[in-house]
Amino acid sequence: MRTSNNILHTFVNVTDALDKIGFTEVWKTSSPTTTNTLMDTNTTLVVSYEFENEAEQVAFKSAIDNMFHSNPEHFSSKDSVEHFKTEWLHKDGSLSHKTDFIFTKKGRDISPAL
């Protein structure tokens, strides 16, 4: 997350990060189990979602895809939230698929990594 003067925000803890980022309700689709971890000297929040079954995961992905294509407000933060990577993991934790990009809270693609 970047403040209005373009400086990375350092979060106090996970609760602070979640409060400041403001995930919208779509991120709760299918009621996944979430694990939240701060990294990069508390400037990056990593959110892991785990689903009970494939149908729940597909419903979540569909809701998120629809949000990115139709709703410009991905987060409720007043600052610029940068969503820069999505990784899909196999059940054993190994990488299945990865996409690198940056979406701001307004949904603009800032700098896709090709």
Protein backbone atom coordinates (compact mmCIF):
# COMPACT_ATOMS: atom_id res chain seq x y z
CA MET A 1 0.00 0.00 0.00
CA ARG A 2 1.31 3.44 -0.89
CA THR A 3 0.45 6.61 0.94
CA SER A 4 -0.57 9.80 -0.88
CA ASN A 5 3.10 10.83 -1.14
CA ASN A 6 3.94 7.48 -2.85
CA ILE A 7 5.77 5.96 0.14
CA LEU A 8 5.21 2.30 1.04
CA HIS A 9 3.19 2.04 4.23
CA THR A 10 4.69 -0.05 7.04
CA PHE A 11 1.99 -1.97 8.88
CA VAL A 12 2.05 -2.40 12.67
CA ASN A 13 0.59 -5.93 12.47
CA VAL A 14 -1.77 -8.05 10.35
CA THR A 15 -4.89 -6.43 11.84
CA ASP A 16 -3.52 -3.00 10.93
CA ALA A 17 -2.87 -4.19 7.36
CA LEU A 18 -6.36 -5.66 6.97
CA ASP A 19 -7.97 -2.51 8.39
CA LYS A 20 -5.98 -0.16 6.17
CA ILE A 21 -6.36 -2.20 2.96
CA GLY A 22 -10.07 -2.82 3.40
CA PHE A 23 -10.80 -5.99 1.44
CA THR A 24 -14.30 -5.74 -0.06
CA GLU A 25 -16.89 -8.50 0.51
CA VAL A 26 -16.10 -10.29 -2.75
CA TRP A 27 -12.88 -11.59 -1.15
CA LYS A 28 -15.08 -13.66 1.22
CA THR A 29 -16.85 -15.55 -1.61
CA SER A 30 -17.13 -19.26 -0.69
CA SER A 31 -15.95 -18.49 2.88
CA PRO A 32 -12.34 -19.62 2.39
CA THR A 33 -9.99 -20.23 5.27
CA THR A 34 -7.50 -17.35 5.14
CA THR A 35 -3.96 -17.07 6.43
CA ASN A 36 -2.47 -13.57 6.63
CA THR A 37 1.27 -12.93 6.87
CA LEU A 38 3.30 -9.72 6.82
CA MET A 39 6.52 -9.75 4.79
CA ASP A 40 9.12 -7.33 3.40
CA THR A 41 9.63 -5.52 6.72
CA ASN A 42 5.85 -5.25 7.21
CA THR A 43 5.13 -3.52 3.88
CA THR A 44 3.58 -6.56 2.16
CA LEU A 45 0.52 -8.51 3.30
CA VAL A 46 0.37 -12.05 1.90
CA VAL A 47 -3.12 -13.54 2.01
CA SER A 48 -3.55 -17.27 1.42
CA TYR A 49 -7.00 -18.69 0.70
CA GLU A 50 -7.87 -22.34 1.22
CA PHE A 51 -11.11 -23.94 0.04
CA GLU A 52 -13.00 -27.05 1.11
CA ASN A 53 -13.46 -28.22 -2.47
CA GLU A 54 -12.89 -27.33 -6.09
CA ALA A 55 -16.40 -25.91 -6.57
CA GLU A 56 -15.79 -23.31 -3.83
CA GLN A 57 -12.43 -22.39 -5.35
CA VAL A 58 -13.98 -22.01 -8.82
CA ALA A 59 -16.78 -19.81 -7.40
CA PHE A 60 -14.19 -17.62 -5.62
CA LYS A 61 -12.04 -17.27 -8.74
CA SER A 62 -15.09 -16.41 -10.84
CA ALA A 63 -16.18 -13.72 -8.34
CA ILE A 64 -12.68 -12.22 -8.24
CA ASP A 65 -12.35 -12.31 -12.06
CA ASN A 66 -15.73 -10.58 -12.40
CA MET A 67 -14.69 -7.94 -9.86
CA PHE A 68 -11.47 -7.15 -11.71
CA HIS A 69 -13.36 -6.78 -14.99
CA SER A 70 -16.41 -4.88 -13.76
CA ASN A 71 -15.87 -3.20 -10.37
CA PRO A 72 -13.20 -0.51 -10.03
CA GLU A 73 -13.23 -0.65 -6.22
CA HIS A 74 -11.27 -3.76 -5.23
CA PHE A 75 -10.35 -2.41 -1.79
CA SER A 76 -11.85 0.30 0.41
CA SER A 77 -8.53 1.97 1.29
CA LYS A 78 -8.06 5.68 0.61
CA ASP A 79 -4.44 4.98 -0.27
CA SER A 80 -3.18 3.02 -3.28
CA VAL A 81 -3.31 -0.72 -2.64
CA GLU A 82 -1.06 -2.71 -4.97
CA HIS A 83 -2.11 -6.29 -5.76
CA PHE A 84 1.02 -7.50 -7.50
CA LYS A 85 0.97 -11.28 -7.58
CA THR A 86 -1.46 -14.18 -7.54
CA GLU A 87 -0.24 -17.73 -7.05
CA TRP A 88 -2.38 -20.87 -7.26
CA LEU A 89 -0.92 -23.75 -5.28
CA HIS A 90 -1.48 -27.48 -5.38
CA LYS A 91 -2.69 -29.14 -2.17
CA ASP A 92 0.93 -30.06 -1.32
CA GLY A 93 1.92 -26.36 -1.49
CA SER A 94 3.80 -26.57 -4.79
CA LEU A 95 3.17 -23.85 -7.37
CA SER A 96 0.43 -24.54 -9.92
CA HIS A 97 0.18 -21.12 -11.64
CA LYS A 98 1.47 -17.59 -11.04
CA THR A 99 0.47 -14.19 -12.41
CA ASP A 100 2.52 -11.05 -11.72
CA PHE A 101 0.82 -7.66 -12.07
CA ILE A 102 -0.13 -4.56 -10.14
CA PHE A 103 -3.74 -3.51 -9.64
CA THR A 104 -4.51 -0.44 -7.60
CA LYS A 105 -7.70 0.04 -5.61
CA LYS A 106 -9.10 1.72 -8.73
CA GLY A 107 -8.44 -1.40 -10.80
CA ARG A 108 -5.85 0.11 -13.13
CA ASP A 109 -3.11 -2.19 -14.31
CA ILE A 110 0.02 -0.19 -13.41
CA SER A 111 2.87 -2.45 -14.46
CA PRO A 112 2.19 -5.96 -15.70
CA ALA A 113 5.17 -8.30 -15.57
CA LEU A 114 5.26 -10.16 -18.85
